[in-house]
Amino acid sequence: MPMLFLPADTSKMMQSKKKRLDFLTKNYMKGSQQKLEQLWNNQYSQRQKLTEQYSQQVSSARQQWETEAQRAEDQEEQLNNLMRQQQKIFQQLKVAHKQKLKTVKELYKQYIKNIEEMDRSHETFLQGAQQELKKDMASLQKKILTDMVSIDQFGRRDRE
């Protein structure tokens, strides 16, 4: 193909169109780059905001969890203390109950022993009283017989 020479107007026109095309391309690229940067900045800002919100929510949830865990630990410790106190009280009550039961048994044994001693004492006293009563009765009977004999003898003397 033979090369065509274009008139100077055409060359100027092509140069002008080329400059215009370069200008439009640069403006388009500049505008596209600005739009991309703005889009990237918006996305970055949104991601950062979302990350901050997520971090705050996670931090809040973690803090809540730690607070609840601490509260549960404190309650567990209180419950353990109460259980230890209750076990101690039950143990003390058991010891006191055993001691009272032992005391009651000892009192019962002492009561039985005293009753038996009192029965023996009463028996001895009754036997002694019976012996004394027998002696007194024998003595009284002897006196009565002696008196009767002396009355009988006195009455015979008077008749004689």
N, C-alpha and C. Protein backbone atom coordinates (compact mmCIF):
# COMPACT_ATOMS: atom_id res chain seq x y z
N MET A 1 0.82 -1.16 0.00
CA MET A 1 0.00 0.00 0.00
C MET A 1 0.87 1.23 0.00
N PRO A 2 0.51 2.04 -0.90
CA PRO A 2 1.29 3.27 -0.93
C PRO A 2 0.86 4.18 0.20
N MET A 3 1.79 4.84 0.68
CA MET A 3 1.56 5.79 1.74
C MET A 3 0.93 7.03 1.19
N LEU A 4 -0.06 7.43 1.86
CA LEU A 4 -0.78 8.62 1.42
C LEU A 4 -0.32 9.78 2.26
N PHE A 5 -0.14 10.80 1.59
CA PHE A 5 0.21 12.02 2.32
C PHE A 5 -1.03 12.81 2.50
N LEU A 6 -1.25 13.14 3.71
CA LEU A 6 -2.44 13.91 4.03
C LEU A 6 -2.10 15.38 4.04
N PRO A 7 -3.04 16.17 3.70
CA PRO A 7 -2.77 17.61 3.71
C PRO A 7 -2.49 18.08 5.13
N ALA A 8 -1.92 19.21 5.29
CA ALA A 8 -1.52 19.77 6.57
C ALA A 8 -2.71 19.94 7.48
N ASP A 9 -3.85 20.25 6.94
CA ASP A 9 -5.04 20.39 7.76
C ASP A 9 -5.39 19.06 8.39
N THR A 10 -5.27 18.06 7.63
CA THR A 10 -5.62 16.73 8.11
C THR A 10 -4.63 16.33 9.19
N SER A 11 -3.39 16.65 8.98
CA SER A 11 -2.37 16.30 9.95
C SER A 11 -2.63 17.05 11.25
N LYS A 12 -2.99 18.31 11.12
CA LYS A 12 -3.30 19.11 12.30
C LYS A 12 -4.53 18.55 12.97
N MET A 13 -5.48 18.18 12.15
CA MET A 13 -6.71 17.64 12.69
C MET A 13 -6.40 16.32 13.43
N MET A 14 -5.56 15.50 12.94
CA MET A 14 -5.21 14.23 13.56
C MET A 14 -4.44 14.49 14.85
N GLN A 15 -3.59 15.47 14.77
CA GLN A 15 -2.85 15.82 15.96
C GLN A 15 -3.80 16.34 17.02
N SER A 16 -4.71 17.13 16.63
CA SER A 16 -5.70 17.68 17.52
C SER A 16 -6.55 16.56 18.11
N LYS A 17 -6.96 15.62 17.26
CA LYS A 17 -7.77 14.49 17.72
C LYS A 17 -6.95 13.62 18.66
N LYS A 18 -5.68 13.44 18.34
CA LYS A 18 -4.80 12.64 19.19
C LYS A 18 -4.65 13.31 20.55
N LYS A 19 -4.46 14.64 20.56
CA LYS A 19 -4.33 15.38 21.82
C LYS A 19 -5.63 15.26 22.61
N ARG A 20 -6.75 15.40 21.88
CA ARG A 20 -8.05 15.31 22.54
C ARG A 20 -8.23 13.90 23.12
N LEU A 21 -7.85 12.88 22.35
CA LEU A 21 -7.96 11.50 22.81
C LEU A 21 -7.06 11.29 24.03
N ASP A 22 -5.84 11.82 23.99
CA ASP A 22 -4.93 11.72 25.14
C ASP A 22 -5.54 12.42 26.36
N PHE A 23 -6.09 13.62 26.13
CA PHE A 23 -6.71 14.40 27.20
C PHE A 23 -7.89 13.63 27.79
N LEU A 24 -8.77 13.11 26.93
CA LEU A 24 -9.93 12.36 27.40
C LEU A 24 -9.49 11.09 28.13
N THR A 25 -8.49 10.41 27.61
CA THR A 25 -7.99 9.18 28.22
C THR A 25 -7.42 9.49 29.60
N LYS A 26 -6.61 10.59 29.66
CA LYS A 26 -6.02 10.97 30.96
C LYS A 26 -7.12 11.33 31.95
N ASN A 27 -8.11 12.13 31.48
CA ASN A 27 -9.22 12.51 32.36
C ASN A 27 -10.02 11.29 32.81
N TYR A 28 -10.26 10.38 31.85
CA TYR A 28 -11.00 9.17 32.18
C TYR A 28 -10.22 8.35 33.18
N MET A 29 -8.93 8.20 32.95
CA MET A 29 -8.08 7.42 33.85
C MET A 29 -8.02 8.08 35.22
N LYS A 30 -7.88 9.42 35.19
CA LYS A 30 -7.83 10.17 36.44
C LYS A 30 -9.15 10.00 37.19
N GLY A 31 -10.28 10.12 36.48
CA GLY A 31 -11.60 9.96 37.09
C GLY A 31 -11.80 8.54 37.58
N SER A 32 -11.38 7.57 36.78
CA SER A 32 -11.50 6.17 37.18
C SER A 32 -10.65 5.89 38.40
N GLN A 33 -9.45 6.41 38.40
CA GLN A 33 -8.56 6.21 39.53
C GLN A 33 -9.16 6.84 40.79
N GLN A 34 -9.71 8.05 40.67
CA GLN A 34 -10.34 8.72 41.80
C GLN A 34 -11.55 7.91 42.30
N LYS A 35 -12.35 7.41 41.32
CA LYS A 35 -13.50 6.60 41.71
C LYS A 35 -13.05 5.33 42.41
N LEU A 36 -11.99 4.67 41.88
CA LEU A 36 -11.47 3.46 42.51
C LEU A 36 -10.93 3.76 43.91
N GLU A 37 -10.19 4.87 44.03
CA GLU A 37 -9.65 5.26 45.34
C GLU A 37 -10.78 5.54 46.31
N GLN A 38 -11.80 6.26 45.84
CA GLN A 38 -12.95 6.57 46.69
C GLN A 38 -13.68 5.29 47.09
N LEU A 39 -13.87 4.39 46.11
CA LEU A 39 -14.51 3.11 46.38
C LEU A 39 -13.68 2.30 47.38
N TRP A 40 -12.37 2.25 47.16
CA TRP A 40 -11.48 1.53 48.05
C TRP A 40 -11.53 2.15 49.45
N ASN A 41 -11.47 3.50 49.55
CA ASN A 41 -11.54 4.18 50.84
C ASN A 41 -12.87 3.90 51.54
N ASN A 42 -13.97 3.91 50.78
CA ASN A 42 -15.28 3.60 51.37
C ASN A 42 -15.31 2.17 51.91
N GLN A 43 -14.82 1.23 51.09
CA GLN A 43 -14.80 -0.17 51.53
C GLN A 43 -13.90 -0.35 52.74
N TYR A 44 -12.74 0.31 52.69
CA TYR A 44 -11.80 0.24 53.81
C TYR A 44 -12.46 0.79 55.07
N SER A 45 -13.10 1.95 54.92
CA SER A 45 -13.79 2.59 56.06
C SER A 45 -14.90 1.68 56.59
N GLN A 46 -15.68 1.07 55.70
CA GLN A 46 -16.75 0.17 56.12
C GLN A 46 -16.19 -1.06 56.82
N ARG A 47 -15.11 -1.61 56.26
CA ARG A 47 -14.49 -2.77 56.90
C ARG A 47 -13.94 -2.42 58.27
N GLN A 48 -13.32 -1.24 58.34
CA GLN A 48 -12.77 -0.80 59.61
C GLN A 48 -13.88 -0.60 60.64
N LYS A 49 -14.98 0.03 60.22
CA LYS A 49 -16.12 0.25 61.09
C LYS A 49 -16.70 -1.10 61.55
N LEU A 50 -16.86 -2.02 60.59
CA LEU A 50 -17.38 -3.34 60.91
C LEU A 50 -16.45 -4.07 61.87
N THR A 51 -15.14 -3.97 61.62
CA THR A 51 -14.15 -4.60 62.50
C THR A 51 -14.22 -4.00 63.90
N GLU A 52 -14.34 -2.69 64.00
CA GLU A 52 -14.46 -2.03 65.30
C GLU A 52 -15.72 -2.50 66.02
N GLN A 53 -16.85 -2.54 65.30
CA GLN A 53 -18.11 -3.00 65.91
C GLN A 53 -17.96 -4.44 66.40
N TYR A 54 -17.39 -5.28 65.54
CA TYR A 54 -17.19 -6.68 65.90
C TYR A 54 -16.27 -6.78 67.12
N SER A 55 -15.19 -6.01 67.11
CA SER A 55 -14.25 -6.03 68.24
C SER A 55 -14.94 -5.60 69.52
N GLN A 56 -15.77 -4.54 69.42
CA GLN A 56 -16.50 -4.08 70.60
C GLN A 56 -17.47 -5.15 71.10
N GLN A 57 -18.18 -5.78 70.16
CA GLN A 57 -19.14 -6.81 70.54
C GLN A 57 -18.42 -8.01 71.17
N VAL A 58 -17.32 -8.41 70.56
CA VAL A 58 -16.55 -9.53 71.09
C VAL A 58 -15.99 -9.16 72.46
N SER A 59 -15.46 -7.95 72.58
CA SER A 59 -14.91 -7.48 73.85
C SER A 59 -16.00 -7.44 74.91
N SER A 60 -17.16 -6.93 74.54
CA SER A 60 -18.29 -6.86 75.47
C SER A 60 -18.73 -8.26 75.89
N ALA A 61 -18.84 -9.16 74.91
CA ALA A 61 -19.24 -10.54 75.20
C ALA A 61 -18.20 -11.23 76.09
N ARG A 62 -16.91 -11.01 75.78
CA ARG A 62 -15.83 -11.60 76.58
C ARG A 62 -15.87 -11.05 78.00
N GLN A 63 -16.09 -9.75 78.13
CA GLN A 63 -16.17 -9.12 79.44
C GLN A 63 -17.35 -9.67 80.24
N GLN A 64 -18.50 -9.81 79.56
CA GLN A 64 -19.68 -10.38 80.19
C GLN A 64 -19.40 -11.80 80.65
N TRP A 65 -18.77 -12.56 79.76
CA TRP A 65 -18.45 -13.95 80.09
C TRP A 65 -17.52 -14.01 81.30
N GLU A 66 -16.49 -13.16 81.30
CA GLU A 66 -15.55 -13.14 82.43
C GLU A 66 -16.25 -12.75 83.72
N THR A 67 -17.15 -11.76 83.63
CA THR A 67 -17.91 -11.33 84.81
C THR A 67 -18.78 -12.47 85.32
N GLU A 68 -19.48 -13.14 84.40
CA GLU A 68 -20.34 -14.26 84.79
C GLU A 68 -19.51 -15.42 85.34
N ALA A 69 -18.35 -15.67 84.72
CA ALA A 69 -17.47 -16.73 85.20
C ALA A 69 -16.98 -16.40 86.61
N GLN A 70 -16.62 -15.15 86.85
CA GLN A 70 -16.17 -14.73 88.18
C GLN A 70 -17.30 -14.87 89.19
N ARG A 71 -18.50 -14.44 88.78
CA ARG A 71 -19.67 -14.55 89.65
C ARG A 71 -19.94 -16.02 89.98
N ALA A 72 -19.87 -16.88 88.97
CA ALA A 72 -20.09 -18.32 89.19
C ALA A 72 -19.01 -18.88 90.13
N GLU A 73 -17.78 -18.43 89.93
CA GLU A 73 -16.69 -18.90 90.79
C GLU A 73 -16.91 -18.43 92.23
N ASP A 74 -17.32 -17.16 92.39
CA ASP A 74 -17.61 -16.64 93.73
C ASP A 74 -18.75 -17.42 94.38
N GLN A 75 -19.81 -17.68 93.61
CA GLN A 75 -20.95 -18.42 94.14
C GLN A 75 -20.55 -19.84 94.51
N GLU A 76 -19.70 -20.43 93.68
CA GLU A 76 -19.22 -21.79 93.99
C GLU A 76 -18.43 -21.78 95.29
N GLU A 77 -17.58 -20.77 95.47
CA GLU A 77 -16.79 -20.65 96.69
C GLU A 77 -17.71 -20.46 97.90
N GLN A 78 -18.72 -19.60 97.75
CA GLN A 78 -19.68 -19.39 98.84
C GLN A 78 -20.41 -20.69 99.16
N LEU A 79 -20.81 -21.40 98.12
CA LEU A 79 -21.52 -22.67 98.32
C LEU A 79 -20.61 -23.67 99.02
N ASN A 80 -19.35 -23.73 98.61
CA ASN A 80 -18.39 -24.63 99.27
C ASN A 80 -18.22 -24.26 100.73
N ASN A 81 -18.12 -22.95 101.01
CA ASN A 81 -18.00 -22.49 102.40
C ASN A 81 -19.22 -22.89 103.21
N LEU A 82 -20.40 -22.68 102.63
CA LEU A 82 -21.64 -23.06 103.32
C LEU A 82 -21.68 -24.57 103.57
N MET A 83 -21.25 -25.34 102.59
CA MET A 83 -21.23 -26.80 102.76
C MET A 83 -20.27 -27.20 103.88
N ARG A 84 -19.09 -26.56 103.90
CA ARG A 84 -18.13 -26.87 104.97
C ARG A 84 -18.70 -26.49 106.33
N GLN A 85 -19.35 -25.32 106.40
CA GLN A 85 -19.96 -24.90 107.66
C GLN A 85 -21.06 -25.86 108.08
N GLN A 86 -21.87 -26.27 107.12
CA GLN A 86 -22.97 -27.19 107.43
C GLN A 86 -22.42 -28.54 107.89
N GLN A 87 -21.36 -29.02 107.23
CA GLN A 87 -20.75 -30.28 107.66
C GLN A 87 -20.20 -30.15 109.08
N LYS A 88 -19.58 -29.01 109.36
CA LYS A 88 -19.03 -28.77 110.68
C LYS A 88 -20.14 -28.76 111.74
N ILE A 89 -21.25 -28.08 111.40
CA ILE A 89 -22.39 -28.01 112.32
C ILE A 89 -22.95 -29.41 112.54
N PHE A 90 -23.13 -30.18 111.46
CA PHE A 90 -23.66 -31.54 111.60
C PHE A 90 -22.72 -32.40 112.45
N GLN A 91 -21.43 -32.22 112.24
CA GLN A 91 -20.47 -33.00 113.02
C GLN A 91 -20.56 -32.61 114.50
N GLN A 92 -20.67 -31.30 114.76
CA GLN A 92 -20.80 -30.85 116.14
C GLN A 92 -22.10 -31.37 116.77
N LEU A 93 -23.18 -31.33 115.98
CA LEU A 93 -24.46 -31.85 116.47
C LEU A 93 -24.36 -33.35 116.76
N LYS A 94 -23.67 -34.07 115.91
CA LYS A 94 -23.51 -35.50 116.09
C LYS A 94 -22.74 -35.78 117.38
N VAL A 95 -21.65 -35.03 117.58
CA VAL A 95 -20.86 -35.20 118.80
C VAL A 95 -21.70 -34.85 120.02
N ALA A 96 -22.44 -33.74 119.94
CA ALA A 96 -23.30 -33.33 121.07
C ALA A 96 -24.38 -34.37 121.32
N HIS A 97 -24.97 -34.91 120.26
CA HIS A 97 -26.00 -35.94 120.39
C HIS A 97 -25.44 -37.19 121.05
N LYS A 98 -24.25 -37.62 120.60
CA LYS A 98 -23.62 -38.79 121.21
C LYS A 98 -23.34 -38.55 122.70
N GLN A 99 -22.87 -37.33 123.01
CA GLN A 99 -22.55 -37.01 124.39
C GLN A 99 -23.83 -37.03 125.24
N LYS A 100 -24.90 -36.45 124.70
CA LYS A 100 -26.17 -36.44 125.44
C LYS A 100 -26.71 -37.86 125.61
N LEU A 101 -26.59 -38.66 124.57
CA LEU A 101 -27.03 -40.05 124.66
C LEU A 101 -26.21 -40.80 125.71
N LYS A 102 -24.91 -40.55 125.72
CA LYS A 102 -24.04 -41.18 126.71
C LYS A 102 -24.45 -40.73 128.12
N THR A 103 -24.73 -39.44 128.26
CA THR A 103 -25.17 -38.90 129.56
C THR A 103 -26.47 -39.55 130.00
N VAL A 104 -27.42 -39.69 129.06
CA VAL A 104 -28.71 -40.31 129.39
C VAL A 104 -28.49 -41.77 129.81
N LYS A 105 -27.62 -42.48 129.08
CA LYS A 105 -27.33 -43.87 129.45
C LYS A 105 -26.72 -43.95 130.85
N GLU A 106 -25.77 -43.04 131.12
CA GLU A 106 -25.14 -43.04 132.45
C GLU A 106 -26.16 -42.70 133.53
N LEU A 107 -27.03 -41.73 133.24
CA LEU A 107 -28.08 -41.38 134.21
C LEU A 107 -29.02 -42.57 134.44
N TYR A 108 -29.35 -43.29 133.37
CA TYR A 108 -30.22 -44.45 133.49
C TYR A 108 -29.55 -45.53 134.34
N LYS A 109 -28.25 -45.78 134.05
CA LYS A 109 -27.52 -46.78 134.84
C LYS A 109 -27.48 -46.37 136.33
N GLN A 110 -27.23 -45.08 136.55
CA GLN A 110 -27.18 -44.59 137.93
C GLN A 110 -28.55 -44.72 138.60
N TYR A 111 -29.59 -44.43 137.83
CA TYR A 111 -30.97 -44.54 138.34
C TYR A 111 -31.26 -45.99 138.73
N ILE A 112 -30.91 -46.93 137.83
CA ILE A 112 -31.14 -48.35 138.11
C ILE A 112 -30.34 -48.76 139.34
N LYS A 113 -29.09 -48.33 139.42
CA LYS A 113 -28.25 -48.66 140.58
C LYS A 113 -28.86 -48.10 141.86
N ASN A 114 -29.31 -46.84 141.82
CA ASN A 114 -29.92 -46.22 143.00
C ASN A 114 -31.21 -46.93 143.40
N ILE A 115 -32.01 -47.32 142.39
CA ILE A 115 -33.26 -48.05 142.67
C ILE A 115 -32.93 -49.38 143.35
N GLU A 116 -31.93 -50.09 142.80
CA GLU A 116 -31.54 -51.37 143.39
C GLU A 116 -31.03 -51.19 144.81
N GLU A 117 -30.20 -50.15 145.01
CA GLU A 117 -29.69 -49.87 146.38
C GLU A 117 -30.84 -49.51 147.31
N MET A 118 -31.78 -48.69 146.80
CA MET A 118 -32.92 -48.29 147.61
C MET A 118 -33.78 -49.53 147.95
N ASP A 119 -33.96 -50.42 146.97
CA ASP A 119 -34.72 -51.65 147.24
C ASP A 119 -34.03 -52.48 148.31
N ARG A 120 -32.70 -52.63 148.21
CA ARG A 120 -31.95 -53.39 149.22
C ARG A 120 -32.06 -52.70 150.59
N SER A 121 -31.93 -51.34 150.55
CA SER A 121 -32.02 -50.58 151.80
C SER A 121 -33.40 -50.74 152.42
N HIS A 122 -34.44 -50.64 151.57
CA HIS A 122 -35.81 -50.81 152.09
C HIS A 122 -36.01 -52.23 152.61
N GLU A 123 -35.47 -53.19 151.87
CA GLU A 123 -35.59 -54.59 152.29
C GLU A 123 -34.90 -54.78 153.64
N THR A 124 -33.69 -54.25 153.74
CA THR A 124 -32.94 -54.35 154.99
C THR A 124 -33.71 -53.65 156.11
N PHE A 125 -34.22 -52.47 155.82
CA PHE A 125 -34.99 -51.71 156.81
C PHE A 125 -36.23 -52.48 157.23
N LEU A 126 -36.94 -53.04 156.22
CA LEU A 126 -38.16 -53.80 156.54
C LEU A 126 -37.82 -55.04 157.36
N GLN A 127 -36.71 -55.70 156.99
CA GLN A 127 -36.32 -56.87 157.77
C GLN A 127 -35.97 -56.47 159.20
N GLY A 128 -35.24 -55.35 159.29
CA GLY A 128 -34.89 -54.86 160.64
C GLY A 128 -36.13 -54.47 161.41
N ALA A 129 -37.08 -53.80 160.71
CA ALA A 129 -38.31 -53.38 161.36
C ALA A 129 -39.12 -54.60 161.78
N GLN A 130 -39.14 -55.63 160.92
CA GLN A 130 -39.87 -56.86 161.26
C GLN A 130 -39.22 -57.55 162.45
N GLN A 131 -37.90 -57.57 162.45
CA GLN A 131 -37.18 -58.19 163.58
C GLN A 131 -37.50 -57.44 164.87
N GLU A 132 -37.45 -56.10 164.76
CA GLU A 132 -37.73 -55.29 165.93
C GLU A 132 -39.17 -55.47 166.38
N LEU A 133 -40.07 -55.51 165.38
CA LEU A 133 -41.49 -55.71 165.70
C LEU A 133 -41.69 -57.08 166.36
N LYS A 134 -41.01 -58.11 165.86
CA LYS A 134 -41.10 -59.43 166.48
C LYS A 134 -40.58 -59.39 167.90
N LYS A 135 -39.45 -58.68 168.10
CA LYS A 135 -38.89 -58.56 169.45
C LYS A 135 -39.87 -57.83 170.35
N ASP A 136 -40.41 -56.70 169.79
CA ASP A 136 -41.36 -55.91 170.59
C ASP A 136 -42.60 -56.75 170.91
N MET A 137 -43.06 -57.50 169.93
CA MET A 137 -44.24 -58.34 170.16
C MET A 137 -43.93 -59.44 171.18
N ALA A 138 -42.74 -60.02 171.04
CA ALA A 138 -42.34 -61.06 171.99
C ALA A 138 -42.22 -60.47 173.38
N SER A 139 -41.63 -59.28 173.44
CA SER A 139 -41.49 -58.61 174.73
C SER A 139 -42.84 -58.26 175.31
N LEU A 140 -43.73 -57.76 174.45
CA LEU A 140 -45.08 -57.40 174.88
C LEU A 140 -45.84 -58.65 175.32
N GLN A 141 -45.66 -59.70 174.54
CA GLN A 141 -46.32 -60.96 174.89
C GLN A 141 -45.79 -61.47 176.23
N LYS A 142 -44.51 -61.33 176.43
CA LYS A 142 -43.90 -61.75 177.68
C LYS A 142 -44.43 -60.93 178.83
N LYS A 143 -44.53 -59.63 178.59
CA LYS A 143 -45.05 -58.72 179.63
C LYS A 143 -46.50 -59.07 179.94
N ILE A 144 -47.25 -59.28 178.85
CA ILE A 144 -48.67 -59.62 179.05
C ILE A 144 -48.76 -60.92 179.84
N LEU A 145 -47.97 -61.89 179.50
CA LEU A 145 -47.99 -63.16 180.22
C LEU A 145 -47.54 -62.96 181.66
N THR A 146 -46.52 -62.16 181.82
CA THR A 146 -46.02 -61.89 183.17
C THR A 146 -47.09 -61.18 183.97
N ASP A 147 -47.72 -60.18 183.33
CA ASP A 147 -48.80 -59.45 184.02
C ASP A 147 -49.96 -60.39 184.33
N MET A 148 -50.27 -61.23 183.42
CA MET A 148 -51.40 -62.14 183.63
C MET A 148 -51.06 -63.13 184.73
N VAL A 149 -49.84 -63.57 184.73
CA VAL A 149 -49.42 -64.51 185.78
C VAL A 149 -49.45 -63.78 187.11
N SER A 150 -48.96 -62.54 187.13
CA SER A 150 -48.96 -61.82 188.39
C SER A 150 -50.37 -61.45 188.81
N ILE A 151 -51.26 -61.16 187.88
CA ILE A 151 -52.67 -60.87 188.21
C ILE A 151 -53.30 -62.17 188.72
N ASP A 152 -53.00 -63.23 188.07
CA ASP A 152 -53.56 -64.51 188.47
C ASP A 152 -53.05 -64.88 189.85
N GLN A 153 -51.83 -64.65 190.12
CA GLN A 153 -51.26 -64.93 191.42
C GLN A 153 -51.82 -63.96 192.45
N PHE A 154 -52.02 -62.76 192.07
CA PHE A 154 -52.58 -61.73 192.97
C PHE A 154 -54.01 -62.09 193.29
N GLY A 155 -54.74 -62.56 192.28
CA GLY A 155 -56.12 -62.94 192.49
C GLY A 155 -56.18 -64.19 193.33
N ARG A 156 -55.32 -65.08 193.35
CA ARG A 156 -55.31 -66.29 194.16
C ARG A 156 -54.93 -65.93 195.56
N ARG A 157 -54.12 -65.00 195.75
CA ARG A 157 -53.74 -64.57 197.08
C ARG A 157 -54.93 -63.92 197.74
N ASP A 158 -55.63 -63.17 197.02
CA ASP A 158 -56.80 -62.50 197.60
C ASP A 158 -57.85 -63.56 197.90
N ARG A 159 -58.00 -64.52 197.30
CA ARG A 159 -59.01 -65.55 197.54
C ARG A 159 -58.52 -66.44 198.66
N GLU A 160 -57.47 -66.51 198.92
CA GLU A 160 -56.94 -67.41 199.95
C GLU A 160 -57.06 -66.78 201.24
